[in-house]
Every structure is written in C-alpha cells, then in structure tokens.
Amino acid sequence: MTEENDRERPRKSWREIDAQRDRSSHTTGSERDRERAGRRGKPSQKNYKAALDKLFESGGIAKLLDEAAARGGDIPGGAAGAKGGAGNEAQVDTRARLAARVRDALGPDEVTKAVDAYLAKYGHPPEEFDFLGPMLQHRDGDRVAEAMVAIGALLDTGLKPRRPRAIAALLRTIEEVGDDPDLRRQAHDLWRRVG
C-alpha cells in the first residue's frame, strides 16, 4: 500500500468501530445480551446498604431472628435463649441497645452505668470482645475480674479480638495502676495473651 491509497481509503468513525467490536466472532448475540442484562441488573453497594438500613429500621431483623429461633437455628449474640412471641422483638432490640451503650460508653463512669444496666436485665455479659473490653473499665473490681475471666475463656476457644490493642491497653492500665494485686497479676497474664 502506498501513502496515496491509505489517504484515499475512508476512515471508520468510533461508532462504527464499536459496532464492529460488538459483532465480533468470538461472542454470540445472546451472550452479549446476557452480559449487558447482568451488568444492568446488579444492585450497587448503595442499594444493599439502603436495603439493610430499611430492614433494621422496620424491625425486620427481629422477625428474622424469630424465624431462626422457630427453626431451631443458632442466633448470634445470645438471642436464641429469648423464646416467645410478641415480646421477643422488643427483647432483642433492648439487648442490642444496651450492649451498644456499653461499647459506646466513654470513661469508667459511663461504662459502669451501662454495664450495670445490661447485667441487671440479663444477668451475665455477652461473650464478645466488644462488650468485655470496655467492661474492664468498670468501677467494681468484681466486674473487672468477671470480664477478665470471660476474655480468657474466649481466647481459650481460639477467638481473637477485633481490636487487640484497645483491650491490651486497658489490661496494661489495670496492671500498672490497679489497687488489687490479684487483678494486677491476672491483667498481666491476660495482657500477654491478647497482645
């Protein structure tokens, strides 16, 4: 080909090039249609989040927990023990809210109030690091010892905290400035296992 022939040949527009790509021989029309439909039909992450928010706000989670309990399934967070009909939704909601207050509490005074409110209603703390970690700030040494025993039991099962540094820092504080020598020793041993 000479330069003259190259200049004389009509150039394809981008639209024509794209159309030609869509008609390539290695994909059939039905495959392309399925690909396009699949891309359009996938919900975005925003849609998932909006659907979850709607489920939480409408109390749908409690309904799902009731259904799982009716089937005999294991419900995380200890809600499986909450048998019953209409009161179950309120009980699950209250348990979650009280546990969230403990997780969100700032300082020993708030933690003490939140933990006492939870334990007054449910008797024992949930077996989760996010609750037991803040419980280490409780004003009562017996509650702190209870939290340490529960954390040790969770570590024995092979579970690891999501935020080990936060729990380790609380244990170090107990070890360094605590009044009770037994708690200090227990905090030291547990700190080495967590950290």
Protein backbone atom coordinates (compact mmCIF):
# COMPACT_ATOMS: atom_id res chain seq x y z
CA MET A 1 0.00 0.00 0.00
CA THR A 2 1.16 3.40 -0.83
CA GLU A 3 0.58 6.57 1.08
CA GLU A 4 -1.92 7.74 -1.52
CA ASN A 5 -4.06 4.61 -1.15
CA ASP A 6 -4.02 4.98 2.60
CA ARG A 7 -5.27 8.55 2.41
CA GLU A 8 -7.99 7.71 -0.08
CA ARG A 9 -9.46 4.90 1.98
CA PRO A 10 -12.44 6.10 4.05
CA ARG A 11 -11.84 6.12 7.80
CA LYS A 12 -14.29 4.50 10.18
CA SER A 13 -15.92 6.51 12.89
CA TRP A 14 -15.66 5.44 16.53
CA ARG A 15 -19.30 4.41 16.41
CA GLU A 16 -18.59 2.07 13.52
CA ILE A 17 -15.54 0.64 15.31
CA ASP A 18 -17.58 0.00 18.47
CA ALA A 19 -20.37 -1.59 16.48
CA GLN A 20 -17.87 -3.85 14.77
CA ARG A 21 -16.44 -4.89 18.15
CA ASP A 22 -19.92 -5.82 19.38
CA ARG A 23 -20.30 -8.10 16.37
CA SER A 24 -17.03 -9.92 16.97
CA SER A 25 -16.99 -13.58 16.04
CA HIS A 26 -16.00 -14.96 19.46
CA THR A 27 -19.20 -13.86 21.21
CA THR A 28 -22.72 -14.52 20.10
CA GLY A 29 -25.53 -12.03 20.29
CA SER A 30 -27.22 -13.90 23.15
CA GLU A 31 -24.01 -13.84 25.20
CA ARG A 32 -23.69 -10.09 24.73
CA ASP A 33 -27.32 -9.60 25.73
CA ARG A 34 -26.83 -11.66 28.89
CA GLU A 35 -23.70 -9.70 29.79
CA ARG A 36 -25.48 -6.38 29.34
CA ALA A 37 -28.52 -7.55 31.31
CA GLY A 38 -26.27 -8.83 34.07
CA ARG A 39 -24.48 -5.53 34.39
CA ARG A 40 -27.72 -3.58 34.49
CA GLY A 41 -29.41 -5.96 36.95
CA LYS A 42 -26.70 -5.92 39.63
CA PRO A 43 -27.61 -3.73 42.57
CA SER A 44 -24.96 -1.32 43.69
CA GLN A 45 -23.43 -1.21 47.14
CA LYS A 46 -25.63 1.79 47.92
CA ASN A 47 -28.71 -0.30 47.19
CA TYR A 48 -27.51 -3.04 49.54
CA LYS A 49 -26.85 -0.54 52.31
CA ALA A 50 -30.21 1.13 51.79
CA ALA A 51 -31.96 -2.24 51.94
CA LEU A 52 -30.13 -3.15 55.15
CA ASP A 53 -30.96 0.20 56.72
CA LYS A 54 -34.60 -0.28 55.80
CA LEU A 55 -34.54 -3.79 57.30
CA PHE A 56 -33.09 -2.53 60.58
CA GLU A 57 -35.48 0.42 60.83
CA SER A 58 -38.57 -1.66 60.12
CA GLY A 59 -37.72 -4.26 62.76
CA GLY A 60 -37.18 -6.91 60.11
CA ILE A 61 -34.08 -8.19 61.88
CA ALA A 62 -36.15 -9.19 64.90
CA LYS A 63 -38.54 -11.04 62.59
CA LEU A 64 -35.63 -12.90 61.02
CA LEU A 65 -34.33 -13.78 64.48
CA ASP A 66 -37.77 -15.08 65.46
CA GLU A 67 -37.89 -17.23 62.34
CA ALA A 68 -34.41 -18.61 63.02
CA ALA A 69 -35.34 -19.37 66.63
CA ALA A 70 -38.50 -21.13 65.45
CA ARG A 71 -36.41 -23.27 63.11
CA GLY A 72 -34.06 -24.06 65.98
CA GLY A 73 -31.17 -22.17 64.41
CA ASP A 74 -28.33 -20.59 66.33
CA ILE A 75 -28.79 -16.87 66.76
CA PRO A 76 -25.65 -14.80 67.35
CA GLY A 77 -25.50 -12.56 70.38
CA GLY A 78 -27.30 -14.90 72.71
CA ALA A 79 -30.77 -14.05 71.42
CA ALA A 80 -31.54 -17.74 70.88
CA GLY A 81 -32.46 -18.07 74.50
CA ALA A 82 -35.15 -15.46 74.04
CA LYS A 83 -38.11 -17.70 73.34
CA GLY A 84 -41.53 -16.31 72.95
CA GLY A 85 -43.83 -14.49 70.64
CA ALA A 86 -44.58 -10.79 70.63
CA GLY A 87 -42.08 -9.81 73.34
CA ASN A 88 -39.12 -11.33 71.51
CA GLU A 89 -38.72 -8.39 69.11
CA ALA A 90 -38.55 -5.90 71.98
CA GLN A 91 -36.17 -8.13 73.92
CA VAL A 92 -33.72 -8.48 71.03
CA ASP A 93 -33.89 -4.75 70.42
CA THR A 94 -33.30 -3.91 74.08
CA ARG A 95 -30.38 -6.36 74.40
CA ALA A 96 -28.68 -4.89 71.35
CA ARG A 97 -29.24 -1.33 72.50
CA LEU A 98 -27.92 -1.98 76.00
CA ALA A 99 -24.85 -3.74 74.60
CA ALA A 100 -24.28 -0.82 72.21
CA ARG A 101 -24.36 1.59 75.15
CA VAL A 102 -21.51 -0.33 76.75
CA ARG A 103 -19.50 -0.31 73.52
CA ASP A 104 -20.10 3.41 73.01
CA ALA A 105 -19.52 4.46 76.64
CA LEU A 106 -16.63 6.81 77.31
CA GLY A 107 -14.85 6.65 80.62
CA PRO A 108 -15.28 4.47 83.68
CA ASP A 109 -18.43 6.20 84.97
CA GLU A 110 -20.40 5.73 81.75
CA VAL A 111 -19.09 2.18 81.33
CA THR A 112 -20.12 1.33 84.90
CA LYS A 113 -23.66 2.63 84.38
CA ALA A 114 -24.07 0.89 81.01
CA VAL A 115 -22.66 -2.45 82.20
CA ASP A 116 -24.79 -2.38 85.37
CA ALA A 117 -27.93 -1.68 83.31
CA TYR A 118 -27.16 -4.58 80.97
CA LEU A 119 -26.32 -7.02 83.78
CA ALA A 120 -29.39 -6.02 85.80
CA LYS A 121 -31.59 -7.04 82.89
CA TYR A 122 -29.71 -10.08 81.50
CA GLY A 123 -27.59 -11.37 84.39
CA HIS A 124 -24.33 -12.05 82.56
CA PRO A 125 -22.30 -10.28 79.88
CA PRO A 126 -22.41 -11.44 76.27
CA GLU A 127 -19.44 -13.46 75.10
CA GLU A 128 -17.95 -10.86 72.79
CA PHE A 129 -14.78 -8.84 73.00
CA ASP A 130 -16.52 -5.59 72.03
CA PHE A 131 -18.54 -5.75 75.28
CA LEU A 132 -15.93 -7.29 77.57
CA GLY A 133 -13.16 -4.87 76.59
CA PRO A 134 -14.96 -1.75 77.82
CA MET A 135 -16.16 -3.71 80.85
CA LEU A 136 -12.52 -3.70 82.04
CA GLN A 137 -13.08 -0.03 82.94
CA HIS A 138 -15.85 -0.85 85.43
CA ARG A 139 -15.51 0.74 88.89
CA ASP A 140 -16.18 -2.58 90.69
CA GLY A 141 -13.21 -4.94 90.81
CA ASP A 142 -15.51 -7.98 90.77
CA ARG A 143 -16.94 -6.89 87.41
CA VAL A 144 -13.41 -6.32 86.06
CA ALA A 145 -12.42 -9.82 87.23
CA GLU A 146 -15.56 -11.23 85.58
CA ALA A 147 -14.62 -9.52 82.30
CA MET A 148 -11.07 -10.89 82.50
CA VAL A 149 -12.30 -14.44 83.07
CA ALA A 150 -14.68 -14.14 80.11
CA ILE A 151 -11.93 -12.70 77.87
CA GLY A 152 -9.64 -15.56 78.90
CA ALA A 153 -12.36 -18.08 78.06
CA LEU A 154 -12.84 -16.54 74.61
CA LEU A 155 -9.09 -16.65 74.00
CA ASP A 156 -9.08 -20.31 75.06
CA THR A 157 -11.55 -21.09 72.28
CA GLY A 158 -9.17 -19.58 69.73
CA LEU A 159 -11.11 -16.39 69.10
CA LYS A 160 -9.14 -13.18 68.72
CA PRO A 161 -10.40 -9.66 69.45
CA ARG A 162 -11.01 -7.35 66.53
CA ARG A 163 -9.11 -4.59 68.35
CA PRO A 164 -6.48 -6.35 70.47
CA ARG A 165 -4.55 -3.13 71.14
CA ALA A 166 -7.51 -1.48 72.85
CA ILE A 167 -8.03 -4.43 75.19
CA ALA A 168 -4.28 -4.75 75.77
CA ALA A 169 -4.09 -1.05 76.71
CA LEU A 170 -6.88 -1.44 79.28
CA LEU A 171 -5.20 -4.51 80.73
CA ARG A 172 -1.87 -2.67 80.93
CA THR A 173 -3.57 0.16 82.80
CA ILE A 174 -5.03 -2.30 85.33
CA GLU A 175 -1.63 -3.95 85.67
CA GLU A 176 0.21 -0.69 86.26
CA VAL A 177 -2.20 1.33 88.43
CA GLY A 178 -4.66 -1.20 89.84
CA ASP A 179 -5.18 -1.49 93.60
CA ASP A 180 -5.84 -5.24 93.83
CA PRO A 181 -2.68 -7.36 93.43
CA ASP A 182 -4.71 -10.35 92.17
CA LEU A 183 -6.31 -8.23 89.44
CA ARG A 184 -2.92 -6.80 88.52
CA ARG A 185 -1.42 -10.29 88.16
CA GLN A 186 -4.42 -11.53 86.19
CA ALA A 187 -4.28 -8.45 83.93
CA HIS A 188 -0.56 -9.07 83.32
CA ASP A 189 -1.16 -12.69 82.28
CA LEU A 190 -4.12 -11.81 80.09
CA TRP A 191 -2.31 -8.86 78.51
CA ARG A 192 0.44 -11.20 77.30
CA ARG A 193 -2.16 -13.48 75.70
CA VAL A 194 -4.06 -10.65 73.98
CA GLY A 195 -1.11 -8.53 72.89
